[in-house]
Protein backbone atom coordinates (compact mmCIF):
# COMPACT_ATOMS: atom_id res chain seq x y z
CA MET A 1 -68.05 192.94 134.35
CA ALA A 2 -69.92 192.84 131.01
CA SER A 3 -73.33 194.57 130.91
CA PHE A 4 -76.37 193.24 129.07
CA CYS A 5 -79.54 194.92 127.88
CA ALA A 6 -82.87 193.98 129.48
CA ALA A 7 -83.84 191.66 126.61
CA CYS A 8 -80.52 189.79 126.73
CA SER A 9 -80.75 189.50 130.52
CA ARG A 10 -84.22 187.94 130.32
CA ARG A 11 -83.01 185.51 127.66
CA LEU A 12 -79.99 184.45 129.70
CA LEU A 13 -82.15 183.90 132.81
CA SER A 14 -84.58 181.76 130.85
CA VAL A 15 -81.91 179.28 129.67
CA ARG A 16 -82.16 176.03 131.63
CA PRO A 17 -78.93 174.21 132.52
CA PRO A 18 -78.50 170.72 131.05
CA ALA A 19 -79.65 167.79 133.16
CA ARG A 20 -76.12 166.37 133.14
CA LEU A 21 -72.82 167.11 131.55
CA ALA A 22 -71.97 165.22 128.41
CA PRO A 23 -69.05 162.82 128.86
CA VAL A 24 -65.75 164.41 127.91
CA SER A 25 -63.94 162.46 125.24
CA ARG A 26 -60.31 161.69 125.86
CA PRO A 27 -58.10 164.01 123.81
CA ARG A 28 -56.25 162.42 120.93
CA PRO A 29 -52.45 162.71 120.95
CA PHE A 30 -50.83 165.20 118.67
CA SER A 31 -49.72 163.78 115.34
CA LEU A 32 -46.16 164.00 114.16
CA LEU A 33 -47.36 165.94 111.15
CA ALA A 34 -49.51 169.05 111.11
CA THR A 35 -51.74 168.42 108.12
CA SER A 36 -53.43 171.05 106.06
CA ARG A 37 -54.52 171.25 102.47
CA ARG A 38 -53.10 168.84 99.92
CA VAL A 39 -50.70 170.39 97.42
CA ASP A 40 -50.69 168.78 94.00
CA THR A 41 -49.11 171.52 91.87
CA PRO A 42 -45.42 172.05 92.60
CA LEU A 43 -43.35 174.75 90.92
CA ARG A 44 -41.93 172.28 88.42
CA ALA A 45 -43.83 169.82 86.24
CA LEU A 46 -43.74 166.32 87.69
CA PRO A 47 -45.69 163.12 87.13
CA PRO A 48 -48.52 162.49 89.62
CA THR A 49 -47.28 161.54 93.07
CA SER A 50 -48.97 160.40 96.24
CA TYR A 51 -48.20 162.15 99.51
CA ARG A 52 -48.68 160.89 103.02
CA SER A 53 -49.29 164.37 104.40
CA ALA A 54 -48.99 167.79 102.81
CA THR A 55 -48.57 171.23 104.29
CA THR A 56 -47.92 174.62 102.83
CA SER A 57 -45.27 175.81 105.21
CA SER A 58 -44.42 173.55 108.09
CA ILE A 59 -44.73 170.13 109.65
CA GLY A 60 -45.47 170.12 113.35
CA SER A 61 -45.41 167.63 116.14
CA SER A 62 -46.02 167.33 119.81
CA SER A 63 -43.29 168.56 122.11
CA SER A 64 -42.92 165.18 123.80
CA ALA A 65 -39.66 163.49 122.91
CA ALA A 66 -39.23 159.86 122.03
CA PRO A 67 -37.10 157.91 124.54
CA HIS A 68 -33.39 157.26 124.13
CA LEU A 69 -32.78 159.89 121.44
CA PRO A 70 -29.06 160.37 120.82
CA PRO A 71 -27.38 163.74 121.43
CA ILE A 72 -27.18 165.90 118.32
CA PRO A 73 -23.98 167.84 117.47
CA THR A 74 -24.15 171.62 117.65
CA ARG A 75 -23.23 171.75 113.96
CA PRO A 76 -24.56 168.55 112.37
CA ASN A 77 -22.57 167.26 109.43
CA ILE A 78 -24.81 166.89 106.38
CA LYS A 79 -23.91 164.70 103.42
CA VAL A 80 -25.32 166.13 100.18
CA THR A 81 -25.86 163.81 97.22
CA ALA A 82 -26.52 165.60 93.93
CA PRO A 83 -28.80 164.18 91.23
CA SER A 84 -27.53 162.88 87.90
CA LEU A 85 -27.61 165.56 85.20
CA ALA A 86 -27.76 162.89 82.50
CA ALA A 87 -30.76 161.27 84.19
CA ILE A 88 -32.51 164.65 84.46
CA LYS A 89 -32.07 165.34 80.74
CA GLU A 90 -33.16 161.83 79.83
CA GLU A 91 -36.31 162.23 81.93
CA GLY A 92 -37.16 165.42 80.03
CA TYR A 93 -39.05 167.26 82.78
CA LEU A 94 -36.72 170.27 82.76
CA ASP A 95 -35.23 172.38 79.96
CA ASP A 96 -32.42 170.93 77.87
CA ASP A 97 -30.01 173.60 79.14
CA VAL A 98 -30.61 172.69 82.78
CA LYS A 99 -27.54 172.75 85.01
CA LEU A 100 -26.83 171.48 88.50
CA LEU A 101 -26.02 173.96 91.24
CA PRO A 102 -22.35 174.46 92.10
CA PRO A 103 -21.48 172.05 94.96
CA GLU A 104 -20.60 174.91 97.30
CA GLU A 105 -24.11 176.36 96.87
CA ALA A 106 -26.18 173.18 96.92
CA PHE A 107 -27.00 172.93 100.62
CA LEU A 108 -29.39 173.82 103.41
CA ASN A 109 -28.26 174.60 106.92
CA ILE A 110 -30.03 172.16 109.23
CA SER A 111 -30.29 173.07 112.89
CA PRO A 112 -29.75 170.50 115.68
CA GLU A 113 -33.42 170.89 116.61
CA ALA A 114 -34.45 169.94 113.07
CA VAL A 115 -32.19 166.88 113.11
CA GLN A 116 -33.60 165.90 116.50
CA GLN A 117 -37.13 166.02 115.11
CA LEU A 118 -36.10 163.92 112.10
CA VAL A 119 -34.72 161.34 114.54
CA ARG A 120 -37.99 161.46 116.47
CA ILE A 121 -40.05 160.92 113.30
CA THR A 122 -37.78 158.06 112.24
CA SER A 123 -38.08 156.35 115.63
CA ARG A 124 -41.86 156.17 115.25
CA GLU A 125 -41.98 154.78 111.72
CA PRO A 126 -42.64 151.07 111.05
CA LEU A 127 -39.53 149.05 110.27
CA ASP A 128 -40.84 147.88 106.90
CA VAL A 129 -41.30 151.51 105.81
CA LEU A 130 -37.76 152.46 106.81
CA GLN A 131 -36.28 149.41 105.10
CA ARG A 132 -37.51 150.68 101.74
CA ASN A 133 -35.08 153.62 102.15
CA LYS A 134 -37.49 156.01 100.46
CA LEU A 135 -39.05 157.94 103.33
CA ALA A 136 -37.84 161.54 103.51
CA LEU A 137 -38.78 165.07 104.47
CA ARG A 138 -39.38 166.89 101.21
CA VAL A 139 -38.66 170.61 101.29
CA GLY A 140 -39.64 172.71 98.32
CA VAL A 141 -41.08 175.90 96.90
CA GLU A 142 -44.32 176.42 95.02
CA SER A 143 -45.88 179.40 93.29
CA GLY A 144 -48.59 180.98 95.38
CA GLY A 145 -49.46 183.38 98.14
CA CYS A 146 -49.60 187.13 98.02
CA HIS A 147 -45.84 187.50 97.47
CA GLY A 148 -45.20 184.95 94.74
CA TYR A 149 -43.76 181.91 96.52
CA GLN A 150 -44.47 179.77 99.54
CA TYR A 151 -42.61 176.94 101.23
CA LEU A 152 -43.73 173.35 100.93
CA MET A 153 -42.82 170.56 103.36
CA ASP A 154 -44.01 167.00 103.25
CA ILE A 155 -43.15 163.55 104.56
CA THR A 156 -43.13 161.36 101.45
CA GLU A 157 -41.70 158.22 99.89
CA GLU A 158 -41.71 159.72 96.40
CA ARG A 159 -38.37 160.69 94.89
CA GLY A 160 -37.72 162.78 91.78
CA VAL A 161 -34.90 162.33 89.31
CA ASP A 162 -33.69 165.88 90.10
CA ASP A 163 -33.73 165.55 93.89
CA TYR A 164 -30.80 166.55 96.05
CA VAL A 165 -30.58 164.26 99.09
CA MET A 166 -29.28 165.71 102.36
CA GLN A 167 -28.51 163.11 105.02
CA PRO A 168 -27.47 164.08 108.57
CA GLU A 169 -24.49 161.92 109.51
CA GLY A 170 -23.92 160.13 112.80
CA VAL A 171 -27.61 159.76 113.62
CA HIS A 172 -30.37 157.42 112.48
CA CYS A 173 -32.92 159.59 110.72
CA ILE A 174 -34.66 160.07 107.41
CA PRO A 175 -33.01 162.49 104.93
CA ILE A 176 -34.19 165.79 103.49
CA VAL A 177 -34.84 165.91 99.74
CA VAL A 178 -35.06 169.10 97.68
CA ASP A 179 -35.68 169.26 93.94
CA LEU A 180 -33.28 171.22 91.76
CA THR A 181 -35.64 174.10 91.00
CA SER A 182 -36.59 174.58 94.64
CA LEU A 183 -33.01 174.40 95.87
CA GLY A 184 -32.15 177.30 93.58
CA LEU A 185 -34.60 179.37 95.64
CA LEU A 186 -33.62 177.90 99.01
CA LYS A 187 -29.84 177.46 98.89
CA GLY A 188 -28.21 178.69 102.07
CA ALA A 189 -31.47 178.83 104.04
CA THR A 190 -31.82 177.18 107.45
CA LEU A 191 -34.22 174.35 108.20
CA HIS A 192 -35.23 174.64 111.85
CA HIS A 193 -37.70 172.96 114.18
CA ALA A 194 -39.21 175.33 116.71
CA THR A 195 -41.21 174.45 119.81
CA GLU A 196 -43.75 176.97 121.08
CA LEU A 197 -46.67 177.00 123.49
CA ILE A 198 -49.16 176.45 120.66
CA GLY A 199 -47.18 173.57 119.15
CA SER A 200 -44.04 172.85 117.21
CA SER A 201 -43.16 172.76 113.54
CA PHE A 202 -40.45 172.68 110.93
CA ARG A 203 -39.78 176.03 109.31
CA LEU A 204 -37.39 177.63 106.85
CA GLN A 205 -35.66 180.79 108.01
CA ASP A 206 -32.79 183.10 107.07
CA ASN A 207 -33.27 182.40 103.36
CA PRO A 208 -30.66 184.46 101.47
CA GLN A 209 -32.70 184.08 98.27
CA ALA A 210 -35.71 185.86 99.77
CA LYS A 211 -36.11 189.60 99.44
CA GLU A 212 -35.68 191.40 102.74
CA GLY A 213 -39.03 192.63 103.95
CA GLY A 214 -40.72 190.75 101.12
CA ALA A 215 -42.81 188.39 103.22
CA CYS A 216 -46.48 188.57 104.11
CA GLY A 217 -47.60 189.09 107.68
CA CYS A 218 -48.37 185.41 108.24
CA GLY A 219 -44.82 184.46 107.18
CA VAL A 220 -45.99 181.86 104.66
CA SER A 221 -45.62 183.74 101.38
CA TRP A 222 -42.39 185.45 100.37
CA GLU A 223 -40.78 187.27 97.48
CA ALA A 224 -37.58 186.13 95.74
CA LYS A 225 -34.75 188.56 95.07
């Protein structure tokens, strides 16, 4: 049992209880997206874009599942669509000597849990939003943090001319988009969705482009090889 000094004890005894308890407000449901600060400065130079929700490292959700979600394969098949190199050069946002990644390197591993969460997000979006075929989970990298880089994830309708589009096949869900510069620092990493007691979130793990032991204690900032 905690002990108090005489002065603290007298103060505690002098506090009168409230006449009645204040009404307890009904808790709001968890959002699909765990919002934090807005990120407006990506690693590459882009024209101004508007984001629905920005986060520095992950996008979380409640653990409750939407009804009638289809089973997800153990190894989901992901269709990767590369950007047009000619369109990138015409746009002029990257250097003239820019090159696309080799096809065998231009991918992210996407866990079944991540695909399941994409299906869940898609099932809760308005039909008119989905019909525009622009909504996607953007995964990227930005400069920042104590180790040089940090992950960026965002649900957005904005697309860049240098975006790789990764679409899980056999399920109805929004795709993942990754810009060329970010994919060079993420290729081969795994996009996962983890559920824990404190909540759930998307996260990038097992990134072969990250230096081993080169991450900060919070796991947000990391160092490239």
